[in-house]
Structures are given as C-alpha cells and as structure tokens.
C-alpha atoms as a PDB file:
ATOM      1  CA  MET A   1      60.726   0.028 -45.445  1.00  0.00           C
ATOM      2  CA  SER A   2      60.766   0.281 -49.211  1.00  0.00           C
ATOM      3  CA  VAL A   3      58.394   2.307 -51.333  1.00  0.00           C
ATOM      4  CA  THR A   4      56.507  -0.780 -52.545  1.00  0.00           C
ATOM      5  CA  GLU A   5      56.141  -2.030 -48.963  1.00  0.00           C
ATOM      6  CA  GLN A   6      54.975   1.421 -47.920  1.00  0.00           C
ATOM      7  CA  GLY A   7      52.374   1.476 -50.732  1.00  0.00           C
ATOM      8  CA  ALA A   8      51.124  -2.004 -49.766  1.00  0.00           C
ATOM      9  CA  ALA A   9      50.845  -0.928 -46.136  1.00  0.00           C
ATOM     10  CA  GLN A  10      48.882   2.190 -47.189  1.00  0.00           C
ATOM     11  CA  ARG A  11      46.487   0.087 -49.289  1.00  0.00           C
ATOM     12  CA  ALA A  12      46.008  -2.387 -46.416  1.00  0.00           C
ATOM     13  CA  LEU A  13      45.348   0.494 -44.026  1.00  0.00           C
ATOM     14  CA  GLY A  14      42.832   1.947 -46.497  1.00  0.00           C
ATOM     15  CA  ARG A  15      40.985  -1.408 -46.666  1.00  0.00           C
ATOM     16  CA  GLU A  16      40.886  -1.613 -42.868  1.00  0.00           C
ATOM     17  CA  TRP A  17      39.419   1.897 -42.620  1.00  0.00           C
ATOM     18  CA  LEU A  18      36.845   1.048 -45.293  1.00  0.00           C
ATOM     19  CA  ALA A  19      35.857  -2.111 -43.375  1.00  0.00           C
ATOM     20  CA  ALA A  20      35.639  -0.123 -40.119  1.00  0.00           C
ATOM     21  CA  ARG A  21      33.396   2.504 -41.739  1.00  0.00           C
ATOM     22  CA  ILE A  22      31.135  -0.210 -43.194  1.00  0.00           C
ATOM     23  CA  VAL A  23      30.805  -1.891 -39.792  1.00  0.00           C
ATOM     24  CA  VAL A  24      30.087   1.383 -37.966  1.00  0.00           C
ATOM     25  CA  ILE A  25      27.618   2.697 -40.552  1.00  0.00           C
ATOM     26  CA  GLY A  26      25.930  -0.722 -40.836  1.00  0.00           C
ATOM     27  CA  GLY A  27      25.619  -0.916 -37.047  1.00  0.00           C
ATOM     28  CA  LEU A  28      24.045   2.539 -36.925  1.00  0.00           C
ATOM     29  CA  ILE A  29      21.562   1.542 -39.627  1.00  0.00           C
ATOM     30  CA  VAL A  30      20.628  -1.656 -37.770  1.00  0.00           C
ATOM     31  CA  ALA A  31      20.248   0.305 -34.514  1.00  0.00           C
ATOM     32  CA  ALA A  32      18.005   2.859 -36.250  1.00  0.00           C
ATOM     33  CA  VAL A  33      15.822   0.103 -37.717  1.00  0.00           C
ATOM     34  CA  VAL A  34      15.479  -1.528 -34.277  1.00  0.00           C
ATOM     35  CA  VAL A  35      14.519   1.796 -32.679  1.00  0.00           C
ATOM     36  CA  VAL A  36      11.931   2.493 -35.377  1.00  0.00           C
ATOM     37  CA  PHE A  37      10.465  -1.015 -35.126  1.00  0.00           C
ATOM     38  CA  PHE A  38      10.212  -1.162 -31.335  1.00  0.00           C
ATOM     39  CA  GLY A  39       9.463   2.544 -30.934  1.00  0.00           C
ATOM     40  CA  TRP A  40       6.744   3.091 -33.505  1.00  0.00           C
ATOM     41  CA  ILE A  41       5.720  -0.006 -35.402  1.00  0.00           C
ATOM     42  CA  LYS A  42       5.536  -2.676 -32.671  1.00  0.00           C
ATOM     43  CA  PRO A  43       3.420  -0.631 -30.200  1.00  0.00           C
ATOM     44  CA  ALA A  44       0.772  -0.331 -32.907  1.00  0.00           C
ATOM     45  CA  TYR A  45       0.497  -4.127 -32.923  1.00  0.00           C
ATOM     46  CA  LEU A  46       0.376  -4.306 -29.125  1.00  0.00           C
ATOM     47  CA  THR A  47      -2.477  -1.880 -28.584  1.00  0.00           C
ATOM     48  CA  ALA A  48      -5.770  -3.585 -27.843  1.00  0.00           C
ATOM     49  CA  PRO A  49      -8.337  -3.266 -30.580  1.00  0.00           C
ATOM     50  CA  GLN A  50     -11.302  -1.076 -29.797  1.00  0.00           C
ATOM     51  CA  LEU A  51     -14.284  -3.246 -28.978  1.00  0.00           C
ATOM     52  CA  THR A  52     -17.827  -2.373 -29.875  1.00  0.00           C
ATOM     53  CA  PRO A  53     -20.342  -2.246 -27.004  1.00  0.00           C
ATOM     54  CA  GLU A  54     -21.752  -5.581 -28.213  1.00  0.00           C
ATOM     55  CA  GLN A  55     -18.294  -7.177 -28.108  1.00  0.00           C
ATOM     56  CA  GLN A  56     -17.654  -5.726 -24.644  1.00  0.00           C
ATOM     57  CA  GLN A  57     -20.980  -7.133 -23.425  1.00  0.00           C
ATOM     58  CA  ALA A  58     -20.227 -10.542 -24.961  1.00  0.00           C
ATOM     59  CA  ARG A  59     -16.823 -10.585 -23.248  1.00  0.00           C
ATOM     60  CA  ALA A  60     -18.405  -9.598 -19.907  1.00  0.00           C
ATOM     61  CA  ASN A  61     -21.048 -12.330 -20.318  1.00  0.00           C
ATOM     62  CA  ALA A  62     -18.391 -14.954 -21.092  1.00  0.00           C
ATOM     63  CA  GLN A  63     -16.441 -13.901 -17.998  1.00  0.00           C
ATOM     64  CA  ALA A  64     -19.602 -14.042 -15.871  1.00  0.00           C
ATOM     65  CA  ILE A  65     -20.365 -17.550 -17.145  1.00  0.00           C
ATOM     66  CA  LEU A  66     -16.801 -18.625 -16.432  1.00  0.00           C
ATOM     67  CA  ASP A  67     -16.994 -17.205 -12.894  1.00  0.00           C
ATOM     68  CA  MET A  68     -20.363 -18.828 -12.211  1.00  0.00           C
ATOM     69  CA  CYS A  69     -19.341 -22.260 -13.504  1.00  0.00           C
ATOM     70  CA  THR A  70     -15.932 -22.118 -11.831  1.00  0.00           C
ATOM     71  CA  THR A  71     -17.596 -21.394  -8.493  1.00  0.00           C
ATOM     72  CA  GLY A  72     -20.108 -24.213  -8.972  1.00  0.00           C
ATOM     73  CA  VAL A  73     -17.437 -26.768  -9.898  1.00  0.00           C
ATOM     74  CA  ALA A  74     -15.220 -25.619  -7.007  1.00  0.00           C
ATOM     75  CA  THR A  75     -18.117 -26.119  -4.589  1.00  0.00           C
ATOM     76  CA  ALA A  76     -18.786 -29.614  -6.000  1.00  0.00           C
ATOM     77  CA  LYS A  77     -15.085 -30.424  -5.519  1.00  0.00           C
ATOM     78  CA  ALA A  78     -15.143 -29.057  -1.963  1.00  0.00           C
ATOM     79  CA  PHE A  79     -18.126 -31.320  -1.157  1.00  0.00           C
ATOM     80  CA  GLY A  80     -16.197 -34.273  -2.599  1.00  0.00           C
ATOM     81  CA  ILE A  81     -18.782 -34.908  -5.320  1.00  0.00           C
ATOM     82  CA  VAL A  82     -16.502 -34.107  -8.256  1.00  0.00           C
ATOM     83  CA  PRO A  83     -12.916 -35.366  -7.957  1.00  0.00           C
ATOM     84  CA  SER A  84     -10.326 -32.735  -7.117  1.00  0.00           C
ATOM     85  CA  TYR A  85      -8.736 -33.150 -10.543  1.00  0.00           C
ATOM     86  CA  GLY A  86     -12.040 -32.446 -12.311  1.00  0.00           C
ATOM     87  CA  GLN A  87     -12.147 -29.337 -14.449  1.00  0.00           C
ATOM     88  CA  LEU A  88     -14.656 -27.106 -16.123  1.00  0.00           C
ATOM     89  CA  ALA A  89     -15.136 -28.736 -19.527  1.00  0.00           C
ATOM     90  CA  SER A  90     -16.976 -26.062 -21.494  1.00  0.00           C
ATOM     91  CA  LEU A  91     -18.163 -22.481 -21.430  1.00  0.00           C
ATOM     92  CA  ASN A  92     -21.475 -23.601 -22.885  1.00  0.00           C
ATOM     93  CA  VAL A  93     -24.075 -23.221 -20.178  1.00  0.00           C
ATOM     94  CA  GLY A  94     -27.403 -24.995 -20.258  1.00  0.00           C
ATOM     95  CA  ARG A  95     -30.506 -23.184 -19.112  1.00  0.00           C
ATOM     96  CA  THR A  96     -33.182 -24.907 -17.090  1.00  0.00           C
ATOM     97  CA  ASP A  97     -36.900 -24.313 -16.625  1.00  0.00           C
ATOM     98  CA  VAL A  98     -36.177 -22.595 -13.313  1.00  0.00           C
ATOM     99  CA  GLN A  99     -35.183 -18.934 -13.507  1.00  0.00           C
ATOM    100  CA  GLY A 100     -31.655 -18.358 -12.206  1.00  0.00           C
ATOM    101  CA  ARG A 101     -30.628 -22.040 -12.484  1.00  0.00           C
ATOM    102  CA  TYR A 102     -27.954 -23.023 -14.989  1.00  0.00           C
ATOM    103  CA  VAL A 103     -26.064 -26.215 -15.831  1.00  0.00           C
ATOM    104  CA  CYS A 104     -22.302 -26.311 -16.369  1.00  0.00           C
ATOM    105  CA  VAL A 105     -20.236 -29.264 -17.548  1.00  0.00           C
ATOM    106  CA  ALA A 106     -17.265 -30.527 -15.538  1.00  0.00           C
ATOM    107  CA  ALA A 107     -15.138 -33.469 -16.561  1.00  0.00           C
ATOM    108  CA  THR A 108     -12.325 -35.794 -15.680  1.00  0.00           C
ATOM    109  CA  GLN A 109     -10.712 -38.178 -18.137  1.00  0.00           C
ATOM    110  CA  ALA A 110     -13.147 -40.883 -17.013  1.00  0.00           C
ATOM    111  CA  ALA A 111     -16.464 -39.058 -16.529  1.00  0.00           C
ATOM    112  CA  LYS A 112     -18.525 -35.967 -17.211  1.00  0.00           C
ATOM    113  CA  TYR A 113     -20.601 -34.188 -14.598  1.00  0.00           C
ATOM    114  CA  LEU A 114     -23.522 -31.821 -15.055  1.00  0.00           C
ATOM    115  CA  VAL A 115     -23.247 -29.232 -12.291  1.00  0.00           C
ATOM    116  CA  ALA A 116     -26.451 -27.243 -11.743  1.00  0.00           C
ATOM    117  CA  VAL A 117     -26.054 -23.925  -9.947  1.00  0.00           C
ATOM    118  CA  GLU A 118     -28.497 -21.261  -8.815  1.00  0.00           C
ATOM    119  CA  LEU A 119     -27.782 -17.543  -8.767  1.00  0.00           C
ATOM    120  CA  PHE A 120     -28.877 -15.450  -5.811  1.00  0.00           C
ATOM    121  CA  CYS A 121     -27.211 -12.138  -6.691  1.00  0.00           C
ATOM    122  CA  ARG A 122     -25.305 -10.480  -9.522  1.00  0.00           C
ATOM    123  CA  ASN A 123     -21.726 -10.699  -8.216  1.00  0.00           C
ATOM    124  CA  LEU A 124     -20.801 -14.042  -9.729  1.00  0.00           C
ATOM    125  CA  LYS A 125     -17.294 -13.934  -8.281  1.00  0.00           C
ATOM    126  CA  ASP A 126     -18.757 -14.035  -4.785  1.00  0.00           C
ATOM    127  CA  ARG A 127     -19.208 -17.697  -3.860  1.00  0.00           C
ATOM    128  CA  HIS A 128     -22.247 -16.768  -1.749  1.00  0.00           C
ATOM    129  CA  CYS A 129     -24.082 -15.643  -4.892  1.00  0.00           C
ATOM    130  CA  VAL A 130     -23.739 -19.038  -6.587  1.00  0.00           C
ATOM    131  CA  SER A 131     -25.312 -22.042  -4.874  1.00  0.00           C
ATOM    132  CA  LEU A 132     -24.764 -25.643  -5.907  1.00  0.00           C
ATOM    133  CA  TYR A 133     -28.129 -27.203  -6.738  1.00  0.00           C
ATOM    134  CA  SER A 134     -27.247 -30.646  -8.085  1.00  0.00           C
ATOM    135  CA  VAL A 135     -24.510 -32.778  -9.622  1.00  0.00           C
ATOM    136  CA  THR A 136     -25.451 -35.468 -12.105  1.00  0.00           C
ATOM    137  CA  GLN A 137     -23.283 -37.857 -14.064  1.00  0.00           C
ATOM    138  CA  GLN A 138     -23.627 -37.937 -17.811  1.00  0.00           C
ATOM    139  CA  ASP A 139     -25.652 -41.164 -17.635  1.00  0.00           C
ATOM    140  CA  GLY A 140     -28.269 -39.472 -15.413  1.00  0.00           C
ATOM    141  CA  THR A 141     -27.108 -40.779 -12.038  1.00  0.00           C
ATOM    142  CA  VAL A 142     -27.773 -38.072  -9.432  1.00  0.00           C
ATOM    143  CA  LEU A 143     -24.742 -37.664  -7.176  1.00  0.00           C
ATOM    144  CA  TYR A 144     -26.025 -34.659  -5.229  1.00  0.00           C
ATOM    145  CA  GLN A 145     -29.359 -32.883  -4.940  1.00  0.00           C
ATOM    146  CA  ARG A 146     -29.822 -29.931  -2.600  1.00  0.00           C
ATOM    147  CA  GLN A 147     -32.772 -30.323  -0.284  1.00  0.00           C
ATOM    148  CA  SER A 148     -35.113 -27.360  -0.544  1.00  0.00           C
END
C-alpha cells in the first residue's frame, strides 16, 4: 500500500468514526428526550384534574341519571315495549308532577319513546329501586301504563 493510499484509508476511517460518534451521540440524545417526555412531562398531562365539590356532585348526578334511565329503558326492552335495538337518546331527564317520577327519552331510528320511571330508593344501579311507570310514543300513544 502506498503512502497516498494509506492517507486516503486513514481519512476514510476518520470519516467512519465521525459518523459512528454522531449516530451514537444522536441516539443517546433521542433516548434522553424520550425518557424525559414519558417520565416527567407526559404523566403531568395524564393526571386527572382536581374537581371542585360542585363538579364532583354534577358528575355524580349525571351518572345517577344515566343509571336510572338505563335501567328504565332496559326494563321497557325486557317487557317488549321498546325494541331491543332501542337506545337511551338523551341524558336530559324530564320531571313530572309526581315526586320521584322522571321521564327519559329512548329512541330507535324510526321512533322516540318517553319512558317514565319511579324511584323507590337511592341506589339507582339496583333495578329494584327503579320501577317502570309508563312508555309513551312521541305522538302521545300510550304503549304501557303500570296499574296502581
């Protein structure tokens, strides 16, 4: 090998080492950024915000309404009054003149149903606490009315 070939080989080897150092150092920097992001920054985004007591109560009320209406619609489906593919259409609950009686809206693609339920206790997830009172179509046709 001549001196010029040896010098060219040395320069090529120097470039390879420089490229290897850039790749290794760059990889370490990327790894450090990933660790910092997923170790410190991202968990801050994932923590649940602290809710005020009013917000906690509103969330609990919304869940209670959902439980109550879901139970009422499920009972209407079980009786065969509302089709099995009917679903709860809204979280808006109508109040009635009777204490403890509420109206929920269920719907299919073809019809809407007003499902009136009565509450007998506070555990709204317990199906025995929610009693189906009536089911009415949107046009006023009564499909079911519980006999007192």
